[in-house]
Structures are given as C-alpha cells and as structure tokens.
Amino acid sequence: MWLLFGLSAMVTALWGLVRMGTGKEAKGCSFASLSLTALTLCAFYSADAQWVAHQDWSALMDVTPTLSGALWVLTLVSILLNGISLFGKRR
C-alpha cells in the first residue's frame, strides 16, 4: 500500500508543478501530494509494525534499512516540490 501512496504522491506533485507552469492554481495538487506523502510514511510504519508483530525479522532486515533512508530523501523532495508549487510565482 505504501508503494501506491508513494507513487501517487509523486504524480500529484509533478502535476502540481505542471499546473503552476501553465498559470493554474496548484494548491489542491500540493495538498493531495503532501497528504499522500504522510499516508506513505504511515503505511510503511504500519507494515513494519506488522512484521514485528509476526516476528518476521528477515523482512525487517531486508526492507527497513534501505527504505528508511529512501523515505527520508523522498519526503524531503516531496516537501520541496510542493513548496515550489505552493509558494512559487505563477506565470
């Protein structure tokens, strides 16, 4: 589920930049993208919690170290892209 939320967050962030570039309002896209970013983080944390509850240590060791760093980077990129579309000047 977190992958679906993450991809949707990227698509809506890019869509917001395109809308801003064409002179249209992009606040709705930015809100959707930031919301989907938050849902991505919650869904990933939920998956980790399920792995801990089922004592699936191999899944935790395989996925969590790599994706925790990637989620930090992608969250910062999401904030920057949405900040541009929220606070950038329209043409």
N, C-alpha and C. Protein backbone atom coordinates (compact mmCIF):
# COMPACT_ATOMS: atom_id res chain seq x y z
N MET A 1 0.81 -1.18 0.00
CA MET A 1 0.00 0.00 0.00
C MET A 1 0.87 1.26 0.00
N TRP A 2 1.99 1.20 0.73
CA TRP A 2 2.84 2.37 0.80
C TRP A 2 3.42 2.72 -0.57
N LEU A 3 3.64 1.72 -1.40
CA LEU A 3 4.17 1.98 -2.74
C LEU A 3 3.14 2.73 -3.59
N LEU A 4 1.88 2.34 -3.48
CA LEU A 4 0.81 3.02 -4.20
C LEU A 4 0.67 4.47 -3.75
N PHE A 5 0.70 4.68 -2.43
CA PHE A 5 0.63 6.04 -1.90
C PHE A 5 1.83 6.87 -2.36
N GLY A 6 3.01 6.28 -2.33
CA GLY A 6 4.22 7.00 -2.72
C GLY A 6 4.22 7.40 -4.19
N LEU A 7 3.83 6.48 -5.05
CA LEU A 7 3.75 6.81 -6.48
C LEU A 7 2.69 7.88 -6.74
N SER A 8 1.57 7.79 -6.05
CA SER A 8 0.52 8.79 -6.21
C SER A 8 0.99 10.16 -5.72
N ALA A 9 1.77 10.18 -4.66
CA ALA A 9 2.31 11.44 -4.15
C ALA A 9 3.24 12.09 -5.18
N MET A 10 4.07 11.28 -5.83
CA MET A 10 4.98 11.82 -6.85
C MET A 10 4.21 12.36 -8.05
N VAL A 11 3.21 11.61 -8.48
CA VAL A 11 2.43 12.04 -9.65
C VAL A 11 1.70 13.35 -9.35
N THR A 12 1.09 13.46 -8.18
CA THR A 12 0.37 14.69 -7.86
C THR A 12 1.32 15.88 -7.66
N ALA A 13 2.53 15.63 -7.14
CA ALA A 13 3.50 16.72 -7.00
C ALA A 13 3.93 17.23 -8.38
N LEU A 14 4.20 16.31 -9.29
CA LEU A 14 4.59 16.73 -10.65
C LEU A 14 3.42 17.40 -11.37
N TRP A 15 2.22 16.89 -11.15
CA TRP A 15 1.04 17.50 -11.75
C TRP A 15 0.86 18.93 -11.25
N GLY A 16 1.12 19.15 -9.96
CA GLY A 16 1.05 20.50 -9.39
C GLY A 16 2.07 21.44 -10.03
N LEU A 17 3.27 20.94 -10.30
CA LEU A 17 4.28 21.77 -10.95
C LEU A 17 3.87 22.12 -12.38
N VAL A 18 3.28 21.14 -13.07
CA VAL A 18 2.81 21.40 -14.44
C VAL A 18 1.70 22.45 -14.41
N ARG A 19 0.77 22.31 -13.48
CA ARG A 19 -0.32 23.28 -13.37
C ARG A 19 0.22 24.67 -13.05
N MET A 20 1.20 24.74 -12.16
CA MET A 20 1.79 26.03 -11.82
C MET A 20 2.48 26.64 -13.03
N GLY A 21 3.15 25.79 -13.81
CA GLY A 21 3.84 26.27 -15.01
C GLY A 21 2.90 26.81 -16.06
N THR A 22 1.67 26.31 -16.08
CA THR A 22 0.69 26.79 -17.06
C THR A 22 -0.14 27.95 -16.50
N GLY A 23 0.16 28.38 -15.27
CA GLY A 23 -0.53 29.53 -14.70
C GLY A 23 -1.80 29.18 -13.95
N LYS A 24 -2.02 27.91 -13.69
CA LYS A 24 -3.23 27.49 -12.97
C LYS A 24 -2.92 27.29 -11.50
N GLU A 25 -3.97 27.25 -10.71
CA GLU A 25 -3.84 27.03 -9.27
C GLU A 25 -3.37 25.60 -8.99
N ALA A 26 -2.40 25.45 -8.08
CA ALA A 26 -1.83 24.13 -7.79
C ALA A 26 -1.95 23.75 -6.32
N LYS A 27 -2.72 24.50 -5.55
CA LYS A 27 -2.81 24.22 -4.11
C LYS A 27 -3.46 22.87 -3.83
N GLY A 28 -4.47 22.51 -4.62
CA GLY A 28 -5.13 21.22 -4.42
C GLY A 28 -4.18 20.06 -4.67
N CYS A 29 -3.37 20.19 -5.72
CA CYS A 29 -2.39 19.14 -6.03
C CYS A 29 -1.35 19.04 -4.93
N SER A 30 -0.92 20.16 -4.42
CA SER A 30 0.08 20.16 -3.35
C SER A 30 -0.49 19.54 -2.08
N PHE A 31 -1.73 19.89 -1.76
CA PHE A 31 -2.37 19.30 -0.58
C PHE A 31 -2.47 17.79 -0.75
N ALA A 32 -2.91 17.34 -1.92
CA ALA A 32 -3.04 15.90 -2.17
C ALA A 32 -1.69 15.21 -2.08
N SER A 33 -0.66 15.81 -2.64
CA SER A 33 0.66 15.20 -2.63
C SER A 33 1.23 15.11 -1.22
N LEU A 34 1.10 16.17 -0.44
CA LEU A 34 1.61 16.12 0.94
C LEU A 34 0.81 15.13 1.78
N SER A 35 -0.49 15.05 1.54
CA SER A 35 -1.31 14.08 2.26
C SER A 35 -0.91 12.66 1.89
N LEU A 36 -0.69 12.42 0.61
CA LEU A 36 -0.27 11.09 0.18
C LEU A 36 1.13 10.74 0.69
N THR A 37 1.99 11.74 0.83
CA THR A 37 3.31 11.51 1.41
C THR A 37 3.18 11.06 2.86
N ALA A 38 2.30 11.73 3.61
CA ALA A 38 2.07 11.34 5.01
C ALA A 38 1.48 9.94 5.09
N LEU A 39 0.55 9.62 4.19
CA LEU A 39 -0.04 8.28 4.17
C LEU A 39 1.00 7.22 3.81
N THR A 40 1.93 7.58 2.94
CA THR A 40 3.02 6.66 2.59
C THR A 40 3.84 6.31 3.82
N LEU A 41 4.20 7.32 4.58
CA LEU A 41 5.01 7.08 5.79
C LEU A 41 4.24 6.25 6.81
N CYS A 42 2.95 6.55 6.97
CA CYS A 42 2.13 5.78 7.92
C CYS A 42 1.98 4.33 7.46
N ALA A 43 1.78 4.12 6.17
CA ALA A 43 1.61 2.77 5.65
C ALA A 43 2.90 1.96 5.80
N PHE A 44 4.05 2.60 5.56
CA PHE A 44 5.33 1.91 5.73
C PHE A 44 5.54 1.54 7.20
N TYR A 45 5.24 2.48 8.09
CA TYR A 45 5.38 2.20 9.52
C TYR A 45 4.44 1.07 9.95
N SER A 46 3.24 1.06 9.40
CA SER A 46 2.28 0.00 9.71
C SER A 46 2.78 -1.36 9.23
N ALA A 47 3.37 -1.40 8.04
CA ALA A 47 3.93 -2.66 7.54
C ALA A 47 5.06 -3.14 8.44
N ASP A 48 5.91 -2.22 8.87
CA ASP A 48 6.99 -2.60 9.80
C ASP A 48 6.42 -3.13 11.11
N ALA A 49 5.37 -2.49 11.61
CA ALA A 49 4.75 -2.94 12.86
C ALA A 49 4.16 -4.34 12.71
N GLN A 50 3.58 -4.63 11.57
CA GLN A 50 3.05 -5.98 11.33
C GLN A 50 4.17 -7.01 11.28
N TRP A 51 5.28 -6.65 10.67
CA TRP A 51 6.41 -7.58 10.62
C TRP A 51 6.95 -7.86 12.02
N VAL A 52 6.98 -6.83 12.86
CA VAL A 52 7.43 -7.02 14.24
C VAL A 52 6.43 -7.91 14.98
N ALA A 53 5.14 -7.66 14.80
CA ALA A 53 4.11 -8.45 15.49
C ALA A 53 4.19 -9.92 15.08
N HIS A 54 4.53 -10.17 13.82
CA HIS A 54 4.65 -11.56 13.34
C HIS A 54 6.07 -12.10 13.49
N GLN A 55 6.93 -11.31 14.09
CA GLN A 55 8.34 -11.67 14.31
C GLN A 55 9.02 -12.08 13.00
N ASP A 56 8.73 -11.33 11.96
CA ASP A 56 9.34 -11.57 10.65
C ASP A 56 10.60 -10.71 10.54
N TRP A 57 11.63 -11.14 11.24
CA TRP A 57 12.85 -10.34 11.34
C TRP A 57 13.58 -10.25 10.00
N SER A 58 13.47 -11.26 9.16
CA SER A 58 14.15 -11.20 7.87
C SER A 58 13.55 -10.11 6.98
N ALA A 59 12.23 -9.93 7.02
CA ALA A 59 11.60 -8.85 6.25
C ALA A 59 12.06 -7.50 6.77
N LEU A 60 12.13 -7.36 8.07
CA LEU A 60 12.61 -6.10 8.65
C LEU A 60 14.05 -5.81 8.25
N MET A 61 14.90 -6.84 8.33
CA MET A 61 16.31 -6.64 8.00
C MET A 61 16.52 -6.37 6.52
N ASP A 62 15.68 -6.93 5.67
CA ASP A 62 15.82 -6.73 4.23
C ASP A 62 15.31 -5.36 3.77
N VAL A 63 14.16 -4.97 4.26
CA VAL A 63 13.46 -3.81 3.71
C VAL A 63 13.73 -2.52 4.46
N THR A 64 13.67 -2.55 5.77
CA THR A 64 13.69 -1.32 6.56
C THR A 64 14.97 -0.50 6.42
N PRO A 65 16.17 -1.05 6.49
CA PRO A 65 17.35 -0.21 6.39
C PRO A 65 17.44 0.58 5.08
N THR A 66 17.12 -0.07 3.99
CA THR A 66 17.21 0.59 2.69
C THR A 66 16.10 1.62 2.52
N LEU A 67 14.89 1.23 2.81
CA LEU A 67 13.77 2.13 2.56
C LEU A 67 13.66 3.25 3.57
N SER A 68 14.19 3.10 4.76
CA SER A 68 14.10 4.21 5.71
C SER A 68 14.88 5.42 5.19
N GLY A 69 16.06 5.17 4.63
CA GLY A 69 16.82 6.28 4.03
C GLY A 69 16.14 6.85 2.81
N ALA A 70 15.58 5.96 1.97
CA ALA A 70 14.87 6.41 0.78
C ALA A 70 13.64 7.23 1.14
N LEU A 71 12.93 6.84 2.18
CA LEU A 71 11.75 7.60 2.59
C LEU A 71 12.11 8.99 3.08
N TRP A 72 13.24 9.12 3.76
CA TRP A 72 13.70 10.45 4.18
C TRP A 72 13.95 11.34 2.96
N VAL A 73 14.68 10.80 2.00
CA VAL A 73 15.02 11.57 0.81
C VAL A 73 13.76 11.94 0.03
N LEU A 74 12.90 10.96 -0.20
CA LEU A 74 11.69 11.21 -0.98
C LEU A 74 10.72 12.15 -0.27
N THR A 75 10.67 12.10 1.05
CA THR A 75 9.83 13.03 1.79
C THR A 75 10.36 14.46 1.65
N LEU A 76 11.67 14.62 1.73
CA LEU A 76 12.26 15.96 1.55
C LEU A 76 12.02 16.48 0.13
N VAL A 77 12.14 15.61 -0.86
CA VAL A 77 11.87 16.00 -2.25
C VAL A 77 10.41 16.40 -2.39
N SER A 78 9.52 15.65 -1.77
CA SER A 78 8.09 15.98 -1.82
C SER A 78 7.82 17.35 -1.20
N ILE A 79 8.44 17.62 -0.08
CA ILE A 79 8.26 18.93 0.57
C ILE A 79 8.77 20.03 -0.33
N LEU A 80 9.93 19.84 -0.94
CA LEU A 80 10.49 20.86 -1.83
C LEU A 80 9.62 21.09 -3.07
N LEU A 81 9.20 20.01 -3.73
CA LEU A 81 8.37 20.16 -4.93
C LEU A 81 7.04 20.83 -4.61
N ASN A 82 6.43 20.42 -3.51
CA ASN A 82 5.15 21.03 -3.14
C ASN A 82 5.32 22.45 -2.64
N GLY A 83 6.46 22.73 -2.03
CA GLY A 83 6.75 24.12 -1.63
C GLY A 83 6.89 25.02 -2.85
N ILE A 84 7.51 24.51 -3.89
CA ILE A 84 7.65 25.28 -5.12
C ILE A 84 6.27 25.57 -5.72
N SER A 85 5.42 24.56 -5.78
CA SER A 85 4.10 24.78 -6.39
C SER A 85 3.19 25.60 -5.48
N LEU A 86 3.41 25.56 -4.18
CA LEU A 86 2.59 26.37 -3.28
C LEU A 86 3.05 27.82 -3.20
N PHE A 87 4.35 28.02 -3.14
CA PHE A 87 4.88 29.36 -2.89
C PHE A 87 5.55 30.00 -4.10
N GLY A 88 5.70 29.23 -5.19
CA GLY A 88 6.31 29.77 -6.39
C GLY A 88 5.36 30.73 -7.11
N LYS A 89 5.93 31.59 -7.89
CA LYS A 89 5.10 32.55 -8.63
C LYS A 89 4.60 31.90 -9.90
N ARG A 90 3.32 32.12 -10.17
CA ARG A 90 2.74 31.63 -11.41
C ARG A 90 3.09 32.58 -12.53
N ARG A 91 3.11 32.03 -13.78
CA ARG A 91 3.40 32.87 -14.94
C ARG A 91 2.28 33.82 -15.22
